[in-house]
Amino acid sequence: MKRTDHVLGDTDGFKAETTPDPDAARPGGWGRYLRTERLGDVVLVTMDDPSGRANKTTELFKEELDALLSALEAVPAPAGLLIRSAKSSFGVGGDIGQVTGFAGQGEAASFADSERIKALFLRLERLPFPSVALLEGTAAGGGWELALACDMRLCVDVDTIRLGLPEVTFGLVPGAGGMVRLPHMVGLERAGALIAGARMQTPAEAAADGLVDALVPDRAALLQAGINS
């Protein structure tokens, strides 16, 4: 990370260590899903969805991301932001129960939820310091869209990992900004093929398309590469 003149201090709402008790997070804050710690002048966010074995874009995720972004936008800028997962995958996208619930309420409810998460990822994209997604497991749907909203994506070079937008296989389209970001990154034709074909890429394939900035051998190297980027 390129260093800046300002560093997040402990009094700015970020602890020097991982939040010790995620369930003790203050109302309107973060800590149950998004855990933060400081690595020098870098903020490391670890996603750990308490509702299951994979990170989904649940209501809790959206609430905590909103609060975290508000803090990051308000305090002196850190040198950078790293986002990783405590799960075996980075993120698998929408909470199907919530998606179907909004669908049952009608088109307006589904559209409003899509606009909400798009706005959150746009705020992430517009932070005035670099953000890096650290991928050591599959990033699908909204999980991949979160990674695409970051300035850089670094990934462990394991060919069982899959990265992509499989929404069309569920009768949906990417609703968190991937429909726009992917064409800007790889061109309209390639993006169309990836989205319409629900193409899930290996890390090496995504790197060849320029969607992954670097491949590393393991978790320790991934974190170090993020700090150094």
C-alpha atoms as a PDB file:
ATOM      1  CA  MET A   1       0.000   0.000   0.000  1.00  0.00           C
ATOM      2  CA  LYS A   2       1.201   3.484  -0.775  1.00  0.00           C
ATOM      3  CA  ARG A   3       1.615   5.270   2.533  1.00  0.00           C
ATOM      4  CA  THR A   4      -0.315   8.456   3.329  1.00  0.00           C
ATOM      5  CA  ASP A   5       0.168  11.198   5.891  1.00  0.00           C
ATOM      6  CA  HIS A   6      -2.747  10.033   8.027  1.00  0.00           C
ATOM      7  CA  VAL A   7      -3.357   6.860   9.965  1.00  0.00           C
ATOM      8  CA  LEU A   8      -6.540   5.608  11.579  1.00  0.00           C
ATOM      9  CA  GLY A   9      -6.156   5.856  15.325  1.00  0.00           C
ATOM     10  CA  ASP A  10      -7.691   3.623  17.970  1.00  0.00           C
ATOM     11  CA  THR A  11     -10.070   6.445  18.886  1.00  0.00           C
ATOM     12  CA  ASP A  12     -11.446   6.514  15.347  1.00  0.00           C
ATOM     13  CA  GLY A  13     -13.456   3.342  15.970  1.00  0.00           C
ATOM     14  CA  PHE A  14     -10.826   0.832  14.824  1.00  0.00           C
ATOM     15  CA  LYS A  15      -9.070  -1.347  17.378  1.00  0.00           C
ATOM     16  CA  ALA A  16      -5.485  -2.468  17.030  1.00  0.00           C
ATOM     17  CA  GLU A  17      -6.665  -6.074  17.338  1.00  0.00           C
ATOM     18  CA  THR A  18      -9.597  -7.958  15.837  1.00  0.00           C
ATOM     19  CA  THR A  19     -12.850  -7.171  17.639  1.00  0.00           C
ATOM     20  CA  PRO A  20     -12.728  -9.674  20.551  1.00  0.00           C
ATOM     21  CA  ASP A  21     -16.472 -10.253  20.814  1.00  0.00           C
ATOM     22  CA  PRO A  22     -18.331  -9.886  17.490  1.00  0.00           C
ATOM     23  CA  ASP A  23     -21.716 -10.051  19.246  1.00  0.00           C
ATOM     24  CA  ALA A  24     -20.778  -7.029  21.366  1.00  0.00           C
ATOM     25  CA  ALA A  25     -20.639  -4.664  18.387  1.00  0.00           C
ATOM     26  CA  ARG A  26     -22.451  -1.440  19.066  1.00  0.00           C
ATOM     27  CA  PRO A  27     -25.875  -0.917  17.424  1.00  0.00           C
ATOM     28  CA  GLY A  28     -25.474   0.713  14.049  1.00  0.00           C
ATOM     29  CA  GLY A  29     -21.812  -0.315  13.867  1.00  0.00           C
ATOM     30  CA  TRP A  30     -19.976  -3.390  12.717  1.00  0.00           C
ATOM     31  CA  GLY A  31     -18.300  -6.388  14.251  1.00  0.00           C
ATOM     32  CA  ARG A  32     -20.704  -9.289  13.953  1.00  0.00           C
ATOM     33  CA  TYR A  33     -20.108  -9.781  10.212  1.00  0.00           C
ATOM     34  CA  LEU A  34     -17.246  -7.403   9.433  1.00  0.00           C
ATOM     35  CA  ARG A  35     -14.301  -7.516  11.822  1.00  0.00           C
ATOM     36  CA  THR A  36     -11.648  -4.825  11.571  1.00  0.00           C
ATOM     37  CA  GLU A  37      -8.062  -4.592  12.702  1.00  0.00           C
ATOM     38  CA  ARG A  38      -5.172  -2.270  12.017  1.00  0.00           C
ATOM     39  CA  LEU A  39      -1.976  -3.473  10.375  1.00  0.00           C
ATOM     40  CA  GLY A  40       0.151  -0.378  10.789  1.00  0.00           C
ATOM     41  CA  ASP A  41      -1.526   2.210   8.618  1.00  0.00           C
ATOM     42  CA  VAL A  42      -3.682  -0.312   6.740  1.00  0.00           C
ATOM     43  CA  VAL A  43      -7.201  -1.378   7.750  1.00  0.00           C
ATOM     44  CA  LEU A  44      -7.895  -5.108   7.386  1.00  0.00           C
ATOM     45  CA  VAL A  45     -11.542  -6.175   7.193  1.00  0.00           C
ATOM     46  CA  THR A  46     -12.375  -9.849   7.686  1.00  0.00           C
ATOM     47  CA  MET A  47     -15.815 -11.007   6.551  1.00  0.00           C
ATOM     48  CA  ASP A  48     -17.378 -13.738   8.678  1.00  0.00           C
ATOM     49  CA  ASP A  49     -21.114 -14.154   8.113  1.00  0.00           C
ATOM     50  CA  PRO A  50     -22.574 -15.403  11.419  1.00  0.00           C
ATOM     51  CA  SER A  51     -25.577 -16.935   9.654  1.00  0.00           C
ATOM     52  CA  GLY A  52     -23.791 -19.811   7.953  1.00  0.00           C
ATOM     53  CA  ARG A  53     -20.750 -21.389   6.353  1.00  0.00           C
ATOM     54  CA  ALA A  54     -20.470 -18.872   3.499  1.00  0.00           C
ATOM     55  CA  ASN A  55     -20.489 -15.088   3.290  1.00  0.00           C
ATOM     56  CA  LYS A  56     -23.748 -13.856   1.772  1.00  0.00           C
ATOM     57  CA  THR A  57     -24.897 -10.302   1.126  1.00  0.00           C
ATOM     58  CA  THR A  58     -27.394 -10.428   3.969  1.00  0.00           C
ATOM     59  CA  GLU A  59     -29.166  -7.520   5.630  1.00  0.00           C
ATOM     60  CA  LEU A  60     -26.520  -7.591   8.368  1.00  0.00           C
ATOM     61  CA  PHE A  61     -23.751  -7.364   5.765  1.00  0.00           C
ATOM     62  CA  LYS A  62     -25.355  -4.302   4.183  1.00  0.00           C
ATOM     63  CA  GLU A  63     -25.943  -2.595   7.525  1.00  0.00           C
ATOM     64  CA  GLU A  64     -22.389  -3.182   8.723  1.00  0.00           C
ATOM     65  CA  LEU A  65     -20.798  -2.237   5.391  1.00  0.00           C
ATOM     66  CA  ASP A  66     -22.767   1.019   5.466  1.00  0.00           C
ATOM     67  CA  ALA A  67     -21.513   1.793   8.982  1.00  0.00           C
ATOM     68  CA  LEU A  68     -17.935   0.830   8.167  1.00  0.00           C
ATOM     69  CA  LEU A  69     -17.863   2.928   5.002  1.00  0.00           C
ATOM     70  CA  SER A  70     -19.257   5.891   6.913  1.00  0.00           C
ATOM     71  CA  ALA A  71     -16.373   5.571   9.383  1.00  0.00           C
ATOM     72  CA  LEU A  72     -13.792   5.218   6.617  1.00  0.00           C
ATOM     73  CA  GLU A  73     -15.204   8.263   4.836  1.00  0.00           C
ATOM     74  CA  ALA A  74     -15.161  10.363   8.011  1.00  0.00           C
ATOM     75  CA  VAL A  75     -11.746   9.706   9.547  1.00  0.00           C
ATOM     76  CA  PRO A  76      -8.296  10.648   8.217  1.00  0.00           C
ATOM     77  CA  ALA A  77      -7.506   8.321   5.342  1.00  0.00           C
ATOM     78  CA  PRO A  78      -5.573   5.124   6.028  1.00  0.00           C
ATOM     79  CA  ALA A  79      -2.945   3.949   3.566  1.00  0.00           C
ATOM     80  CA  GLY A  80      -5.348   1.339   2.272  1.00  0.00           C
ATOM     81  CA  LEU A  81      -8.093  -1.184   2.899  1.00  0.00           C
ATOM     82  CA  LEU A  82      -7.755  -4.969   2.674  1.00  0.00           C
ATOM     83  CA  ILE A  83     -10.828  -7.228   2.540  1.00  0.00           C
ATOM     84  CA  ARG A  84     -10.599 -10.958   3.169  1.00  0.00           C
ATOM     85  CA  SER A  85     -12.801 -13.806   4.384  1.00  0.00           C
ATOM     86  CA  ALA A  86     -12.720 -16.025   7.446  1.00  0.00           C
ATOM     87  CA  LYS A  87     -14.655 -18.655   5.462  1.00  0.00           C
ATOM     88  CA  SER A  88     -13.318 -21.124   2.921  1.00  0.00           C
ATOM     89  CA  SER A  89     -14.873 -18.960   0.193  1.00  0.00           C
ATOM     90  CA  PHE A  90     -14.658 -15.189  -0.216  1.00  0.00           C
ATOM     91  CA  GLY A  91     -18.375 -14.720  -0.823  1.00  0.00           C
ATOM     92  CA  VAL A  92     -21.247 -16.475  -2.583  1.00  0.00           C
ATOM     93  CA  GLY A  93     -23.587 -13.559  -3.227  1.00  0.00           C
ATOM     94  CA  GLY A  94     -27.163 -12.943  -2.285  1.00  0.00           C
ATOM     95  CA  ASP A  95     -29.141 -14.424   0.555  1.00  0.00           C
ATOM     96  CA  ILE A  96     -31.677 -16.460  -1.466  1.00  0.00           C
ATOM     97  CA  GLY A  97     -34.306 -16.177   1.248  1.00  0.00           C
ATOM     98  CA  GLN A  98     -34.002 -12.412   1.201  1.00  0.00           C
ATOM     99  CA  VAL A  99     -33.973 -12.284  -2.611  1.00  0.00           C
ATOM    100  CA  THR A 100     -37.153 -14.329  -2.881  1.00  0.00           C
ATOM    101  CA  GLY A 101     -38.706 -12.293  -0.092  1.00  0.00           C
ATOM    102  CA  PHE A 102     -38.137  -9.069  -2.004  1.00  0.00           C
ATOM    103  CA  ALA A 103     -39.438 -10.733  -5.183  1.00  0.00           C
ATOM    104  CA  GLY A 104     -42.597 -11.642  -3.321  1.00  0.00           C
ATOM    105  CA  GLN A 105     -43.065  -8.007  -2.350  1.00  0.00           C
ATOM    106  CA  GLY A 106     -42.920  -6.931  -5.972  1.00  0.00           C
ATOM    107  CA  GLU A 107     -40.583  -5.372  -8.509  1.00  0.00           C
ATOM    108  CA  ALA A 108     -40.082  -2.138  -6.560  1.00  0.00           C
ATOM    109  CA  ALA A 109     -38.730  -3.956  -3.487  1.00  0.00           C
ATOM    110  CA  SER A 110     -36.258  -5.998  -5.537  1.00  0.00           C
ATOM    111  CA  PHE A 111     -35.110  -2.905  -7.418  1.00  0.00           C
ATOM    112  CA  ALA A 112     -34.637  -0.913  -4.197  1.00  0.00           C
ATOM    113  CA  ASP A 113     -32.480  -3.660  -2.673  1.00  0.00           C
ATOM    114  CA  SER A 114     -30.365  -3.857  -5.829  1.00  0.00           C
ATOM    115  CA  GLU A 115     -29.890  -0.087  -5.803  1.00  0.00           C
ATOM    116  CA  ARG A 116     -28.915  -0.205  -2.141  1.00  0.00           C
ATOM    117  CA  ILE A 117     -26.075  -2.682  -2.577  1.00  0.00           C
ATOM    118  CA  LYS A 118     -24.921  -1.008  -5.788  1.00  0.00           C
ATOM    119  CA  ALA A 119     -24.667   2.262  -3.865  1.00  0.00           C
ATOM    120  CA  LEU A 120     -22.623   0.586  -1.117  1.00  0.00           C
ATOM    121  CA  PHE A 121     -20.172  -0.927  -3.591  1.00  0.00           C
ATOM    122  CA  LEU A 122     -19.911   2.414  -5.393  1.00  0.00           C
ATOM    123  CA  ARG A 123     -18.929   4.052  -2.099  1.00  0.00           C
ATOM    124  CA  LEU A 124     -16.279   1.387  -1.661  1.00  0.00           C
ATOM    125  CA  GLU A 125     -15.011   2.031  -5.183  1.00  0.00           C
ATOM    126  CA  ARG A 126     -14.818   5.785  -4.496  1.00  0.00           C
ATOM    127  CA  LEU A 127     -12.875   5.642  -1.236  1.00  0.00           C
ATOM    128  CA  PRO A 128      -9.915   8.057  -1.483  1.00  0.00           C
ATOM    129  CA  PHE A 129      -7.370   5.296  -0.834  1.00  0.00           C
ATOM    130  CA  PRO A 130      -6.725   1.903  -2.439  1.00  0.00           C
ATOM    131  CA  SER A 131      -8.824  -1.142  -1.617  1.00  0.00           C
ATOM    132  CA  VAL A 132      -7.701  -4.702  -2.225  1.00  0.00           C
ATOM    133  CA  ALA A 133      -9.744  -7.924  -2.212  1.00  0.00           C
ATOM    134  CA  LEU A 134      -7.739 -10.871  -0.862  1.00  0.00           C
ATOM    135  CA  LEU A 135      -9.189 -14.002  -2.433  1.00  0.00           C
ATOM    136  CA  GLU A 136      -8.320 -17.423  -1.096  1.00  0.00           C
ATOM    137  CA  GLY A 137     -11.593 -19.082  -2.007  1.00  0.00           C
ATOM    138  CA  THR A 138     -14.453 -18.846  -4.460  1.00  0.00           C
ATOM    139  CA  ALA A 139     -16.025 -15.428  -5.120  1.00  0.00           C
ATOM    140  CA  ALA A 140     -19.372 -15.783  -6.851  1.00  0.00           C
ATOM    141  CA  GLY A 141     -22.203 -13.407  -7.621  1.00  0.00           C
ATOM    142  CA  GLY A 142     -22.272 -10.551  -5.118  1.00  0.00           C
ATOM    143  CA  GLY A 143     -19.023 -11.812  -3.619  1.00  0.00           C
ATOM    144  CA  TRP A 144     -17.261 -11.340  -6.960  1.00  0.00           C
ATOM    145  CA  GLU A 145     -19.018  -7.993  -7.457  1.00  0.00           C
ATOM    146  CA  LEU A 146     -17.607  -6.874  -4.101  1.00  0.00           C
ATOM    147  CA  ALA A 147     -14.135  -7.853  -5.287  1.00  0.00           C
ATOM    148  CA  LEU A 148     -14.655  -6.061  -8.614  1.00  0.00           C
ATOM    149  CA  ALA A 149     -15.521  -2.876  -6.703  1.00  0.00           C
ATOM    150  CA  CYS A 150     -12.065  -2.936  -5.109  1.00  0.00           C
ATOM    151  CA  ASP A 151      -9.084  -1.330  -6.811  1.00  0.00           C
ATOM    152  CA  MET A 152      -7.156  -4.596  -6.880  1.00  0.00           C
ATOM    153  CA  ARG A 153      -7.832  -8.321  -6.596  1.00  0.00           C
ATOM    154  CA  LEU A 154      -5.140 -10.714  -5.368  1.00  0.00           C
ATOM    155  CA  CYS A 155      -5.789 -14.440  -5.339  1.00  0.00           C
ATOM    156  CA  VAL A 156      -4.248 -17.659  -4.099  1.00  0.00           C
ATOM    157  CA  ASP A 157      -3.248 -19.719  -7.131  1.00  0.00           C
ATOM    158  CA  VAL A 158      -5.441 -22.779  -6.543  1.00  0.00           C
ATOM    159  CA  ASP A 159      -7.323 -24.154  -9.531  1.00  0.00           C
ATOM    160  CA  THR A 160     -10.332 -25.272  -7.467  1.00  0.00           C
ATOM    161  CA  ILE A 161     -11.202 -21.624  -6.746  1.00  0.00           C
ATOM    162  CA  ARG A 162     -13.888 -20.162  -9.004  1.00  0.00           C
ATOM    163  CA  LEU A 163     -14.532 -16.487  -9.724  1.00  0.00           C
ATOM    164  CA  GLY A 164     -17.544 -15.208 -11.603  1.00  0.00           C
ATOM    165  CA  LEU A 165     -21.154 -14.174 -11.944  1.00  0.00           C
ATOM    166  CA  PRO A 166     -23.474 -17.199 -12.174  1.00  0.00           C
ATOM    167  CA  GLU A 167     -26.723 -15.280 -11.650  1.00  0.00           C
ATOM    168  CA  VAL A 168     -28.296 -16.161 -15.015  1.00  0.00           C
ATOM    169  CA  THR A 169     -28.431 -19.810 -13.978  1.00  0.00           C
ATOM    170  CA  PHE A 170     -30.913 -18.709 -11.283  1.00  0.00           C
ATOM    171  CA  GLY A 171     -32.949 -16.535 -13.654  1.00  0.00           C
ATOM    172  CA  LEU A 172     -31.291 -13.363 -12.330  1.00  0.00           C
ATOM    173  CA  VAL A 173     -28.730 -10.833 -13.523  1.00  0.00           C
ATOM    174  CA  PRO A 174     -25.836  -9.378 -11.513  1.00  0.00           C
ATOM    175  CA  GLY A 175     -27.409  -6.615  -9.460  1.00  0.00           C
ATOM    176  CA  ALA A 176     -24.534  -5.087  -7.496  1.00  0.00           C
ATOM    177  CA  GLY A 177     -22.590  -3.324 -10.235  1.00  0.00           C
ATOM    178  CA  GLY A 178     -20.957  -6.249 -12.015  1.00  0.00           C
ATOM    179  CA  MET A 179     -22.948  -5.583 -15.183  1.00  0.00           C
ATOM    180  CA  VAL A 180     -21.134  -2.242 -15.487  1.00  0.00           C
ATOM    181  CA  ARG A 181     -17.713  -2.925 -13.979  1.00  0.00           C
ATOM    182  CA  LEU A 182     -16.982  -6.104 -15.917  1.00  0.00           C
ATOM    183  CA  PRO A 183     -17.394  -4.505 -19.384  1.00  0.00           C
ATOM    184  CA  HIS A 184     -15.100  -1.658 -18.333  1.00  0.00           C
ATOM    185  CA  MET A 185     -12.470  -4.194 -17.309  1.00  0.00           C
ATOM    186  CA  VAL A 186     -12.586  -6.744 -20.119  1.00  0.00           C
ATOM    187  CA  GLY A 187     -14.658  -5.122 -22.869  1.00  0.00           C
ATOM    188  CA  LEU A 188     -18.312  -5.566 -23.765  1.00  0.00           C
ATOM    189  CA  GLU A 189     -17.941  -8.749 -25.814  1.00  0.00           C
ATOM    190  CA  ARG A 190     -15.884 -10.636 -23.243  1.00  0.00           C
ATOM    191  CA  ALA A 191     -18.070  -9.422 -20.362  1.00  0.00           C
ATOM    192  CA  GLY A 192     -21.198 -10.486 -22.233  1.00  0.00           C
ATOM    193  CA  ALA A 193     -19.795 -13.972 -22.714  1.00  0.00           C
ATOM    194  CA  LEU A 194     -18.818 -14.273 -19.053  1.00  0.00           C
ATOM    195  CA  ILE A 195     -22.174 -13.008 -17.754  1.00  0.00           C
ATOM    196  CA  ALA A 196     -24.517 -14.675 -20.251  1.00  0.00           C
ATOM    197  CA  GLY A 197     -22.567 -17.922 -20.024  1.00  0.00           C
ATOM    198  CA  ALA A 198     -22.373 -17.769 -16.200  1.00  0.00           C
ATOM    199  CA  ARG A 199     -18.680 -18.486 -16.718  1.00  0.00           C
ATOM    200  CA  MET A 200     -16.852 -19.270 -13.485  1.00  0.00           C
ATOM    201  CA  GLN A 201     -13.125 -18.762 -14.013  1.00  0.00           C
ATOM    202  CA  THR A 202     -10.099 -20.223 -12.291  1.00  0.00           C
ATOM    203  CA  PRO A 203      -7.680 -17.709 -10.765  1.00  0.00           C
ATOM    204  CA  ALA A 204      -5.297 -18.195 -13.706  1.00  0.00           C
ATOM    205  CA  GLU A 205      -8.079 -17.562 -16.228  1.00  0.00           C
ATOM    206  CA  ALA A 206      -9.230 -14.441 -14.364  1.00  0.00           C
ATOM    207  CA  ALA A 207      -5.632 -13.211 -14.208  1.00  0.00           C
ATOM    208  CA  ALA A 208      -5.284 -13.719 -17.963  1.00  0.00           C
ATOM    209  CA  ASP A 209      -8.342 -11.479 -18.427  1.00  0.00           C
ATOM    210  CA  GLY A 210      -6.845  -8.851 -16.122  1.00  0.00           C
ATOM    211  CA  LEU A 211      -9.508  -9.398 -13.461  1.00  0.00           C
ATOM    212  CA  VAL A 212      -6.972 -10.666 -10.924  1.00  0.00           C
ATOM    213  CA  ASP A 213      -3.890  -8.488 -10.473  1.00  0.00           C
ATOM    214  CA  ALA A 214      -1.575 -11.102  -8.966  1.00  0.00           C
ATOM    215  CA  LEU A 215      -1.511 -14.777  -8.006  1.00  0.00           C
ATOM    216  CA  VAL A 216       0.231 -15.921  -4.825  1.00  0.00           C
ATOM    217  CA  PRO A 217       0.973 -19.367  -3.370  1.00  0.00           C
ATOM    218  CA  ASP A 218      -0.771 -19.231   0.021  1.00  0.00           C
ATOM    219  CA  ARG A 219      -2.657 -17.232   2.689  1.00  0.00           C
ATOM    220  CA  ALA A 220       0.439 -15.715   4.266  1.00  0.00           C
ATOM    221  CA  ALA A 221       1.753 -14.546   0.907  1.00  0.00           C
ATOM    222  CA  LEU A 222      -1.704 -13.163   0.067  1.00  0.00           C
ATOM    223  CA  LEU A 223      -1.798 -10.905   3.123  1.00  0.00           C
ATOM    224  CA  GLN A 224       1.758  -9.747   2.580  1.00  0.00           C
ATOM    225  CA  ALA A 225       1.063  -9.004  -1.083  1.00  0.00           C
ATOM    226  CA  GLY A 226      -1.953  -6.954  -0.036  1.00  0.00           C
ATOM    227  CA  ILE A 227       0.070  -4.918   2.432  1.00  0.00           C
ATOM    228  CA  ASN A 228       2.784  -4.350  -0.170  1.00  0.00           C
ATOM    229  CA  SER A 229       0.457  -3.469  -3.029  1.00  0.00           C
END
